[in-house]
N, C-alpha and C. Protein backbone atom coordinates (compact mmCIF):
# COMPACT_ATOMS: atom_id res chain seq x y z
N UNK A 1 130.69 137.00 144.18
CA UNK A 1 130.66 135.82 143.60
C UNK A 1 129.23 135.66 142.86
N UNK A 2 129.30 135.38 141.76
CA UNK A 2 128.10 135.07 140.84
C UNK A 2 127.49 133.85 140.89
N UNK A 3 126.12 133.84 141.40
CA UNK A 3 125.53 132.47 141.55
C UNK A 3 124.42 132.60 140.63
N UNK A 4 123.93 131.89 139.69
CA UNK A 4 122.62 131.81 138.86
C UNK A 4 121.61 130.82 139.36
N UNK A 5 122.20 130.01 140.27
CA UNK A 5 121.36 128.90 140.72
C UNK A 5 120.46 129.12 142.01
N UNK A 6 119.88 130.30 142.28
CA UNK A 6 118.94 130.76 143.22
C UNK A 6 117.73 130.01 143.14
N UNK A 7 117.33 129.36 144.06
CA UNK A 7 115.82 129.01 144.12
C UNK A 7 114.78 130.02 144.20
N UNK A 8 113.77 130.04 143.78
CA UNK A 8 112.72 130.99 143.77
C UNK A 8 112.43 131.28 145.28
N UNK A 9 112.27 130.22 146.15
CA UNK A 9 112.06 130.32 147.62
C UNK A 9 113.01 131.38 148.18
N UNK A 10 114.36 131.38 147.75
CA UNK A 10 115.15 132.20 148.32
C UNK A 10 114.91 133.80 148.04
N UNK A 11 114.55 133.90 146.77
CA UNK A 11 114.08 135.33 146.30
C UNK A 11 112.80 135.85 146.54
N UNK A 12 111.84 135.11 146.93
CA UNK A 12 110.62 135.63 146.99
C UNK A 12 110.54 136.77 148.02
N UNK A 13 109.69 137.74 147.68
CA UNK A 13 109.49 139.05 148.50
C UNK A 13 110.88 139.88 148.83
N UNK A 14 111.83 139.51 147.94
CA UNK A 14 113.05 140.37 148.16
C UNK A 14 112.99 141.52 147.30
N UNK A 15 113.59 142.46 147.71
CA UNK A 15 113.73 143.82 146.62
C UNK A 15 114.77 143.77 145.85
N UNK A 16 114.46 144.06 144.53
CA UNK A 16 115.37 144.20 143.40
C UNK A 16 116.02 145.45 143.32
N UNK A 17 117.28 145.58 143.08
CA UNK A 17 118.05 146.67 142.68
C UNK A 17 118.84 146.67 141.40
N UNK A 18 118.92 147.83 140.70
CA UNK A 18 119.82 148.02 139.59
C UNK A 18 120.74 149.18 140.10
N UNK A 19 121.87 148.79 140.30
CA UNK A 19 122.86 149.90 141.26
C UNK A 19 122.09 150.22 142.55
N UNK A 20 121.80 151.43 142.58
CA UNK A 20 121.28 152.01 143.71
C UNK A 20 119.71 152.28 143.63
N UNK A 21 119.07 151.98 142.33
CA UNK A 21 117.74 152.06 142.17
C UNK A 21 116.90 151.04 142.38
N UNK A 22 115.88 151.06 143.34
CA UNK A 22 115.16 149.93 143.61
C UNK A 22 114.09 149.80 142.43
N UNK A 23 113.92 148.70 141.83
CA UNK A 23 113.07 148.37 140.69
C UNK A 23 111.67 147.83 141.23
N UNK A 24 111.88 146.90 142.18
CA UNK A 24 110.41 146.40 142.58
C UNK A 24 110.68 145.22 143.45
N UNK A 25 109.92 144.16 143.72
CA UNK A 25 109.98 143.12 144.37
C UNK A 25 109.51 141.90 143.89
N UNK A 26 110.42 140.72 143.98
CA UNK A 26 110.12 139.53 143.37
C UNK A 26 108.80 138.91 143.94
N UNK A 27 107.91 138.46 143.31
CA UNK A 27 106.68 137.93 143.93
C UNK A 27 106.41 136.53 143.41
N UNK A 28 107.09 135.89 142.65
CA UNK A 28 106.83 134.39 142.34
C UNK A 28 107.52 134.31 140.89
N UNK A 29 107.16 133.19 140.26
CA UNK A 29 107.42 132.66 138.95
C UNK A 29 106.27 131.92 138.48
N UNK A 30 106.34 131.67 137.28
CA UNK A 30 105.36 130.59 136.63
C UNK A 30 105.43 129.24 137.18
N UNK A 31 104.19 128.56 137.36
CA UNK A 31 104.04 127.36 137.72
C UNK A 31 104.06 126.41 136.33
N UNK A 32 104.99 125.59 136.43
CA UNK A 32 105.22 124.95 135.02
C UNK A 32 106.01 123.77 135.49
N UNK A 33 105.48 122.39 135.10
CA UNK A 33 106.00 121.19 135.41
C UNK A 33 107.57 121.02 134.91
N UNK A 34 107.80 121.77 133.73
CA UNK A 34 109.26 121.59 133.60
C UNK A 34 110.03 122.78 133.85
N UNK A 35 110.69 122.61 135.07
CA UNK A 35 111.53 123.64 135.62
C UNK A 35 112.47 124.48 134.53
N UNK A 36 113.04 123.61 133.62
CA UNK A 36 114.09 124.29 132.87
C UNK A 36 113.39 125.09 131.77
N UNK A 37 111.97 125.05 131.66
CA UNK A 37 111.44 126.07 130.89
C UNK A 37 111.14 127.53 131.54
N UNK A 38 111.14 127.48 132.85
CA UNK A 38 110.92 128.78 133.48
C UNK A 38 112.12 129.69 133.42
N UNK A 39 112.25 130.61 132.82
CA UNK A 39 113.29 131.40 132.48
C UNK A 39 113.22 132.92 133.17
N UNK A 40 112.02 133.05 133.75
CA UNK A 40 111.90 134.45 134.17
C UNK A 40 111.03 134.32 135.59
N UNK A 41 111.24 135.39 136.47
CA UNK A 41 110.45 135.47 137.57
C UNK A 41 109.37 136.61 137.49
N UNK A 42 108.49 136.50 138.49
CA UNK A 42 107.62 137.73 138.48
C UNK A 42 107.87 138.90 139.21
N UNK A 43 107.88 140.05 138.88
CA UNK A 43 108.29 141.31 139.68
C UNK A 43 107.15 142.25 139.74
N UNK A 44 106.99 142.78 140.97
CA UNK A 44 105.97 143.69 141.29
C UNK A 44 106.87 145.04 141.04
N UNK A 45 106.67 145.66 139.99
CA UNK A 45 107.31 146.90 139.71
C UNK A 45 106.78 148.24 140.28
N UNK A 46 107.78 148.94 140.75
CA UNK A 46 107.41 150.21 141.41
C UNK A 46 106.67 151.15 140.46
N UNK A 47 105.94 151.89 140.88
CA UNK A 47 105.13 152.79 139.99
C UNK A 47 105.96 153.93 139.19
N UNK A 48 106.87 154.33 139.95
CA UNK A 48 107.69 155.45 139.28
C UNK A 48 108.61 154.71 138.39
N UNK A 49 108.99 153.60 138.61
CA UNK A 49 109.91 152.79 137.57
C UNK A 49 109.28 152.57 136.32
N UNK A 50 107.99 151.77 136.72
CA UNK A 50 107.12 151.65 135.56
C UNK A 50 106.79 152.90 134.65
N UNK A 51 106.42 154.00 135.22
CA UNK A 51 106.21 155.30 134.38
C UNK A 51 107.47 155.53 133.56
N UNK A 52 108.75 155.43 134.01
CA UNK A 52 109.81 155.90 133.40
C UNK A 52 110.43 154.89 132.35
N UNK A 53 110.20 153.73 132.63
CA UNK A 53 110.88 152.57 131.75
C UNK A 53 110.00 151.65 130.85
N UNK A 54 108.63 151.95 131.18
CA UNK A 54 107.81 151.26 130.38
C UNK A 54 106.89 152.11 129.25
N UNK A 55 106.67 151.61 128.08
CA UNK A 55 105.87 152.37 127.13
C UNK A 55 104.50 152.74 127.83
N UNK A 56 103.99 151.62 128.32
CA UNK A 56 102.75 151.78 129.08
C UNK A 56 103.00 151.10 130.53
N UNK A 57 102.74 152.01 131.63
CA UNK A 57 103.10 151.18 132.70
C UNK A 57 102.29 149.85 133.07
N UNK A 58 102.91 149.04 133.87
CA UNK A 58 102.47 147.59 134.07
C UNK A 58 102.84 147.44 135.55
N UNK A 59 101.99 146.82 136.40
CA UNK A 59 102.30 146.52 137.81
C UNK A 59 103.21 145.45 137.80
N UNK A 60 102.88 144.30 137.12
CA UNK A 60 103.76 143.14 137.15
C UNK A 60 104.40 143.03 135.96
N UNK A 61 105.70 142.43 135.99
CA UNK A 61 106.44 142.31 134.71
C UNK A 61 107.52 141.13 134.98
N UNK A 62 108.03 140.61 133.93
CA UNK A 62 109.04 139.46 134.04
C UNK A 62 110.37 140.02 134.47
N UNK A 63 110.92 139.10 135.22
CA UNK A 63 112.56 139.49 135.50
C UNK A 63 113.38 138.24 135.10
N UNK A 64 113.89 138.44 133.90
CA UNK A 64 114.81 137.04 133.53
C UNK A 64 115.64 136.67 134.48
N UNK A 65 115.86 135.48 135.00
CA UNK A 65 116.53 134.88 135.78
C UNK A 65 118.07 135.13 135.56
N UNK A 66 118.46 135.19 134.33
CA UNK A 66 119.80 135.34 133.99
C UNK A 66 120.27 136.82 134.37
N UNK A 67 119.60 137.63 134.52
CA UNK A 67 119.84 139.16 135.11
C UNK A 67 120.19 139.21 136.64
N UNK A 68 119.99 138.27 137.33
CA UNK A 68 120.07 138.17 138.67
C UNK A 68 121.59 137.92 139.01
N UNK A 69 122.28 138.89 139.61
CA UNK A 69 123.62 138.72 139.86
C UNK A 69 124.03 138.21 141.18
N UNK A 70 123.42 138.49 142.17
CA UNK A 70 123.71 138.20 143.57
C UNK A 70 122.68 138.74 144.57
N UNK A 71 122.81 138.09 145.77
CA UNK A 71 121.98 138.55 146.96
C UNK A 71 122.89 139.44 147.89
N UNK A 72 122.76 140.65 147.99
CA UNK A 72 123.57 141.54 148.85
C UNK A 72 123.40 141.07 150.26
N UNK A 73 124.31 141.71 150.98
CA UNK A 73 124.38 141.47 152.47
C UNK A 73 123.09 141.94 152.95
N UNK A 74 122.52 142.94 152.81
CA UNK A 74 121.30 143.23 153.30
C UNK A 74 120.06 142.56 152.89
N UNK A 75 120.24 141.66 151.94
CA UNK A 75 119.26 140.63 151.59
C UNK A 75 118.47 141.10 150.34
N UNK A 76 118.82 142.02 149.68
CA UNK A 76 118.41 142.77 148.55
C UNK A 76 118.90 141.94 147.11
N UNK A 77 118.26 141.89 146.11
CA UNK A 77 118.88 141.35 144.93
C UNK A 77 119.29 142.36 144.04
N UNK A 78 120.67 142.03 143.70
CA UNK A 78 121.26 142.86 142.68
C UNK A 78 121.34 142.31 141.30
N UNK A 79 120.88 143.09 140.26
CA UNK A 79 120.84 142.68 138.90
C UNK A 79 122.13 143.03 138.12
N UNK A 80 122.52 142.28 137.21
CA UNK A 80 124.03 142.44 136.60
C UNK A 80 123.99 143.32 135.37
N UNK A 81 122.69 143.86 135.00
CA UNK A 81 122.56 144.64 133.92
C UNK A 81 121.93 146.12 134.28
N UNK A 82 122.06 146.99 133.30
CA UNK A 82 121.43 148.39 133.58
C UNK A 82 119.92 148.40 133.38
N UNK A 83 119.35 149.67 133.66
CA UNK A 83 118.02 149.80 133.57
C UNK A 83 117.61 149.79 132.03
N UNK A 84 118.47 150.16 131.26
CA UNK A 84 118.30 150.08 129.82
C UNK A 84 118.05 148.75 129.47
N UNK A 85 118.79 147.82 129.83
CA UNK A 85 118.67 146.45 129.53
C UNK A 85 117.34 145.82 130.07
N UNK A 86 117.05 146.28 131.25
CA UNK A 86 115.73 145.74 131.77
C UNK A 86 114.69 146.37 130.90
N UNK A 87 114.64 147.68 130.67
CA UNK A 87 113.64 148.16 129.64
C UNK A 87 113.69 147.59 128.38
N UNK A 88 114.68 147.16 127.78
CA UNK A 88 114.65 146.61 126.43
C UNK A 88 114.04 145.15 126.51
N UNK A 89 114.43 144.41 127.72
CA UNK A 89 113.48 143.10 127.86
C UNK A 89 112.10 143.46 128.11
N UNK A 90 111.58 144.32 128.69
CA UNK A 90 110.23 144.69 128.99
C UNK A 90 109.55 145.03 127.73
N UNK A 91 110.28 145.63 126.86
CA UNK A 91 109.84 145.76 125.39
C UNK A 91 109.27 144.42 124.75
N UNK A 92 110.03 143.53 125.13
CA UNK A 92 109.88 142.20 124.29
C UNK A 92 108.90 141.27 125.03
N UNK A 93 107.79 141.88 125.31
CA UNK A 93 106.87 141.11 126.18
C UNK A 93 105.42 141.22 125.41
N UNK A 94 104.54 140.36 126.24
CA UNK A 94 103.18 140.31 125.68
C UNK A 94 102.29 140.96 127.04
N UNK A 95 101.34 141.83 126.72
CA UNK A 95 100.64 142.59 127.88
C UNK A 95 99.18 141.92 127.71
N UNK A 96 98.96 141.30 128.93
CA UNK A 96 97.58 140.62 129.16
C UNK A 96 97.10 141.30 130.45
N UNK A 97 95.85 141.98 130.50
CA UNK A 97 95.33 142.34 131.65
C UNK A 97 96.21 143.43 132.48
N UNK A 98 96.92 144.30 131.79
CA UNK A 98 97.92 145.21 132.35
C UNK A 98 98.96 144.62 133.03
N UNK A 99 99.43 143.30 132.69
CA UNK A 99 100.62 142.60 133.36
C UNK A 99 101.35 142.35 132.01
N UNK A 100 102.72 142.19 132.18
CA UNK A 100 103.58 141.98 131.26
C UNK A 100 104.02 140.41 131.18
N UNK A 101 104.33 139.76 129.96
CA UNK A 101 104.65 138.49 130.23
C UNK A 101 105.77 138.24 129.23
N UNK A 102 106.99 137.58 129.66
CA UNK A 102 107.92 137.36 128.64
C UNK A 102 107.61 136.18 127.79
N UNK A 103 108.18 136.06 126.41
CA UNK A 103 107.71 135.00 125.67
C UNK A 103 107.76 133.44 126.24
N UNK A 104 108.77 133.42 127.20
CA UNK A 104 108.99 131.96 127.69
C UNK A 104 107.81 131.85 128.67
N UNK A 105 107.14 132.83 129.29
CA UNK A 105 106.18 132.56 130.25
C UNK A 105 104.83 132.12 129.47
N UNK A 106 104.67 132.40 128.16
CA UNK A 106 103.67 132.24 127.29
C UNK A 106 103.50 130.79 126.79
N UNK A 107 104.61 130.20 126.57
CA UNK A 107 104.74 129.14 125.75
C UNK A 107 104.11 127.97 126.74
N UNK A 108 103.56 126.79 126.07
CA UNK A 108 102.86 125.74 126.71
C UNK A 108 101.57 126.06 127.38
N UNK A 109 101.32 127.31 127.46
CA UNK A 109 99.97 127.46 128.15
C UNK A 109 98.60 127.08 127.48
N UNK A 110 97.87 126.58 128.30
CA UNK A 110 96.41 126.18 127.71
C UNK A 110 95.71 127.51 127.36
N UNK A 111 95.15 127.53 126.29
CA UNK A 111 94.13 128.58 125.72
C UNK A 111 92.74 128.24 125.96
N UNK A 112 91.84 128.92 126.88
CA UNK A 112 90.42 128.50 127.10
C UNK A 112 89.66 129.72 126.48
N UNK A 113 88.45 129.44 126.21
CA UNK A 113 87.55 130.68 125.79
C UNK A 113 86.84 131.13 127.11
N UNK A 114 85.96 132.05 127.25
CA UNK A 114 85.59 132.44 128.44
C UNK A 114 84.38 131.70 129.11
N UNK A 115 84.19 130.47 128.31
CA UNK A 115 83.17 129.57 128.99
C UNK A 115 83.85 128.29 129.39
N UNK A 116 85.31 128.45 129.35
CA UNK A 116 86.18 127.32 129.76
C UNK A 116 86.46 126.17 128.80
N UNK A 117 86.07 126.50 127.51
CA UNK A 117 86.38 125.40 126.55
C UNK A 117 87.66 125.67 126.16
N UNK A 118 88.53 124.45 126.17
CA UNK A 118 89.91 124.39 125.74
C UNK A 118 90.04 124.47 124.45
N UNK A 119 90.75 125.48 123.85
CA UNK A 119 91.12 125.68 122.56
C UNK A 119 92.31 124.86 121.89
N UNK A 120 93.28 125.01 122.79
CA UNK A 120 94.64 124.27 122.53
C UNK A 120 95.80 124.81 123.41
N UNK A 121 96.95 124.91 122.88
CA UNK A 121 98.08 125.04 123.55
C UNK A 121 99.05 126.01 122.86
N UNK A 122 99.46 127.15 123.52
CA UNK A 122 100.32 128.03 122.97
C UNK A 122 101.81 127.33 122.47
N UNK A 123 102.11 127.35 121.23
CA UNK A 123 103.29 126.91 120.74
C UNK A 123 104.44 127.79 120.33
N UNK A 124 103.92 129.15 120.17
CA UNK A 124 104.69 130.31 119.66
C UNK A 124 104.15 131.41 119.83
N UNK A 125 104.85 132.60 119.27
CA UNK A 125 104.10 133.98 119.28
C UNK A 125 104.47 134.53 117.95
N UNK A 126 103.48 135.28 117.38
CA UNK A 126 103.49 135.89 116.22
C UNK A 126 103.78 137.34 116.21
N UNK A 127 104.93 137.78 115.44
CA UNK A 127 105.30 138.94 115.40
C UNK A 127 104.98 139.90 114.22
N UNK A 128 104.79 141.03 114.37
CA UNK A 128 104.81 142.14 113.15
C UNK A 128 105.47 143.26 113.50
N UNK A 129 106.50 143.35 112.79
CA UNK A 129 107.45 144.56 113.00
C UNK A 129 107.75 144.63 114.53
N UNK A 130 108.47 143.57 115.02
CA UNK A 130 109.24 143.55 116.34
C UNK A 130 108.16 143.68 117.47
N UNK A 131 106.98 143.70 117.17
CA UNK A 131 105.75 143.74 118.20
C UNK A 131 104.83 142.27 118.20
N UNK A 132 104.67 141.77 119.37
CA UNK A 132 103.89 140.53 119.32
C UNK A 132 102.37 140.99 119.07
N UNK A 133 101.80 140.35 118.06
CA UNK A 133 100.38 140.78 117.83
C UNK A 133 99.42 139.31 118.12
N UNK A 134 100.01 138.37 118.28
CA UNK A 134 99.16 137.10 118.55
C UNK A 134 100.07 135.91 119.01
N UNK A 135 99.29 135.08 119.51
CA UNK A 135 99.96 133.69 119.95
C UNK A 135 99.49 132.65 118.68
N UNK A 136 100.53 131.67 118.62
CA UNK A 136 100.35 130.55 117.82
C UNK A 136 99.91 129.23 118.62
N UNK A 137 98.69 128.91 118.33
CA UNK A 137 97.93 128.03 119.15
C UNK A 137 97.86 126.61 118.30
N UNK A 138 98.29 125.60 118.92
CA UNK A 138 98.15 124.14 118.34
C UNK A 138 96.78 123.76 118.91
N UNK A 139 95.68 123.73 118.07
CA UNK A 139 94.43 123.46 118.44
C UNK A 139 93.97 122.10 118.69
N UNK A 140 93.08 121.68 119.47
CA UNK A 140 92.57 120.48 120.02
C UNK A 140 91.77 119.79 118.80
N UNK A 141 91.83 118.41 118.61
CA UNK A 141 91.26 117.85 117.45
C UNK A 141 89.67 118.08 117.58
N UNK A 142 89.15 118.29 118.58
CA UNK A 142 87.58 118.51 118.80
C UNK A 142 87.46 119.79 118.36
N UNK A 143 88.30 120.80 118.39
CA UNK A 143 88.12 122.27 117.91
C UNK A 143 88.16 122.26 116.62
N UNK A 144 89.20 121.49 115.98
CA UNK A 144 89.23 121.37 114.52
C UNK A 144 88.02 120.89 113.84
N UNK A 145 87.41 119.63 114.40
CA UNK A 145 86.25 119.17 113.81
C UNK A 145 85.07 120.05 114.05
N UNK A 146 84.69 120.61 115.33
CA UNK A 146 83.79 121.59 115.55
C UNK A 146 83.67 122.76 114.71
N UNK A 147 84.80 123.40 114.56
CA UNK A 147 84.91 124.76 113.87
C UNK A 147 85.58 124.85 112.73
N UNK A 148 86.16 123.62 112.28
CA UNK A 148 86.78 123.84 110.88
C UNK A 148 88.06 124.48 110.87
N UNK A 149 88.89 124.55 111.99
CA UNK A 149 90.06 125.43 112.16
C UNK A 149 91.20 124.58 111.74
N UNK A 150 92.38 124.98 111.24
CA UNK A 150 93.56 124.35 111.14
C UNK A 150 94.28 124.00 112.36
N UNK A 151 95.14 123.06 112.36
CA UNK A 151 96.03 122.51 113.42
C UNK A 151 96.64 123.63 114.18
N UNK A 152 97.11 124.60 113.48
CA UNK A 152 97.85 125.75 114.15
C UNK A 152 96.95 127.03 113.67
N UNK A 153 96.45 127.88 114.50
CA UNK A 153 96.01 129.23 114.22
C UNK A 153 96.65 130.33 115.07
N UNK A 154 96.22 131.48 114.59
CA UNK A 154 96.79 132.50 115.59
C UNK A 154 95.54 133.18 116.23
N UNK A 155 95.89 133.66 117.48
CA UNK A 155 94.81 134.18 118.15
C UNK A 155 95.42 135.60 118.61
N UNK A 156 94.85 136.78 118.17
CA UNK A 156 95.32 138.13 118.61
C UNK A 156 95.52 138.21 119.99
N UNK A 157 96.55 139.11 120.41
CA UNK A 157 96.78 139.45 121.96
C UNK A 157 95.53 140.13 122.46
N UNK A 158 94.80 141.05 121.51
CA UNK A 158 94.04 141.80 122.07
C UNK A 158 92.60 141.01 122.53
N UNK A 159 92.79 139.68 122.01
CA UNK A 159 91.54 138.79 122.36
C UNK A 159 91.98 138.04 123.76
N UNK A 160 93.10 138.09 124.34
CA UNK A 160 93.34 137.54 125.67
C UNK A 160 93.00 138.34 126.56
N UNK A 161 92.11 137.80 127.67
CA UNK A 161 91.52 138.74 128.84
C UNK A 161 92.37 138.59 129.86
N UNK A 162 92.88 137.47 130.30
CA UNK A 162 93.66 137.25 131.50
C UNK A 162 94.17 135.90 131.54
N UNK A 163 95.34 135.78 132.67
CA UNK A 163 95.85 134.55 132.70
C UNK A 163 95.22 133.89 134.23
N UNK A 164 95.51 132.68 134.28
CA UNK A 164 95.28 131.81 135.50
C UNK A 164 96.55 131.46 135.89
N UNK A 165 97.21 131.83 136.85
CA UNK A 165 98.65 131.49 137.04
C UNK A 165 98.79 130.34 137.63
N UNK A 166 98.15 129.76 138.62
CA UNK A 166 97.93 128.51 139.30
C UNK A 166 97.75 127.36 138.15
N UNK A 167 96.93 127.58 137.29
CA UNK A 167 96.75 126.51 136.36
C UNK A 167 97.30 126.88 134.92
N UNK A 168 98.16 127.74 134.88
CA UNK A 168 99.10 128.07 133.69
C UNK A 168 98.12 128.07 132.40
N UNK A 169 97.22 128.98 132.38
CA UNK A 169 96.43 129.06 131.42
C UNK A 169 96.13 130.51 130.92
N UNK A 170 95.67 130.73 129.60
CA UNK A 170 95.18 132.08 129.24
C UNK A 170 93.73 132.02 128.95
N UNK A 171 93.00 132.94 129.19
CA UNK A 171 91.59 132.89 128.81
C UNK A 171 91.26 133.94 128.01
N UNK A 172 90.37 133.66 127.01
CA UNK A 172 89.92 134.61 125.99
C UNK A 172 88.91 135.60 126.56
N UNK A 173 88.67 136.60 125.90
CA UNK A 173 87.72 137.65 126.25
C UNK A 173 86.13 137.16 125.90
N UNK A 174 86.10 136.30 125.01
CA UNK A 174 84.80 135.74 124.64
C UNK A 174 84.77 134.41 124.22
N UNK A 175 83.73 133.80 123.48
CA UNK A 175 83.54 132.61 123.09
C UNK A 175 84.65 132.47 121.99
N UNK A 176 84.98 131.11 121.54
CA UNK A 176 85.96 131.01 120.57
C UNK A 176 85.07 131.23 119.21
N UNK A 177 83.87 131.03 119.16
CA UNK A 177 83.07 131.23 117.95
C UNK A 177 83.15 132.99 117.62
N UNK A 178 82.90 133.54 118.71
CA UNK A 178 82.84 135.19 118.65
C UNK A 178 84.41 135.54 118.29
N UNK A 179 85.41 135.06 118.88
CA UNK A 179 86.85 135.30 118.69
C UNK A 179 87.06 135.25 117.07
N UNK A 180 86.47 134.21 116.48
CA UNK A 180 86.78 133.79 115.16
C UNK A 180 86.26 134.87 114.19
N UNK A 181 85.09 135.49 114.70
CA UNK A 181 84.51 136.40 113.70
C UNK A 181 85.23 137.89 113.97
N UNK A 182 86.21 138.02 114.96
CA UNK A 182 86.76 139.47 115.00
C UNK A 182 87.65 139.56 113.95
N UNK A 183 87.70 140.96 113.49
CA UNK A 183 88.42 141.44 112.31
C UNK A 183 89.99 141.14 112.60
N UNK A 184 90.37 141.31 113.79
CA UNK A 184 91.85 141.07 113.99
C UNK A 184 92.16 139.48 114.00
N UNK A 185 91.32 138.76 114.30
CA UNK A 185 91.52 137.32 114.08
C UNK A 185 91.44 136.90 112.59
N UNK A 186 90.70 137.39 111.84
CA UNK A 186 90.63 137.17 110.37
C UNK A 186 91.98 137.79 109.90
N UNK A 187 92.37 138.97 110.17
CA UNK A 187 93.47 139.55 109.79
C UNK A 187 94.89 138.76 109.97
N UNK A 188 94.93 138.31 111.26
CA UNK A 188 96.29 137.90 111.72
C UNK A 188 96.42 136.34 111.04
N UNK A 189 95.22 135.66 110.80
CA UNK A 189 95.43 134.49 110.36
C UNK A 189 95.48 134.38 108.83
N UNK A 190 95.51 135.49 108.19
CA UNK A 190 95.85 135.73 106.82
C UNK A 190 97.02 136.28 106.43
N UNK A 191 97.68 136.69 107.42
CA UNK A 191 99.02 137.47 107.31
C UNK A 191 100.22 136.37 106.95
N UNK A 192 101.17 136.84 106.17
CA UNK A 192 102.21 135.86 106.15
C UNK A 192 103.44 135.89 107.09
N UNK A 193 104.17 134.78 107.45
CA UNK A 193 105.19 134.91 108.48
C UNK A 193 106.19 136.07 108.05
N UNK A 194 106.90 136.64 109.02
CA UNK A 194 107.87 137.68 108.59
C UNK A 194 109.19 136.91 108.35
């Protein structure tokens, strides 16, 4: 019997399997006030699985909730798809601080510079040739006035240093003023939409 309405508390710390292959352990999910927006859980991936199925191994990765098939009799979580499908989903992610994030885990996060100044909120992702190169940020009015930036800007993924899970934030690697001077920032904001 397939049930997709498992509560995260039922799944925490359970091992995840695709057939007989252990993939990792569920460690949580994004903290977001709108539960309907949370489409992925966080999984701690086994090193050998990460080596084999990721372009560049990451310790933490998203696990789409829709792939959860059932909880087996022994308490482990069974996925409904193959390792190839999981690998395909992991390719469609953003890497921040050696952790993978699904696009749905990035939306609505606040963006702060390394001094704690809020730049704005992520409203989309920017792709170039099937690879996420940046986040689209709707900037705060104060930032628009102070720095003369548009209402929507793109910030390169390479400028994102880390996430703060409890606060649902993404922190830049430097001040916003310095990010604006990066060649990658200048390039990504001059590119046309694909």
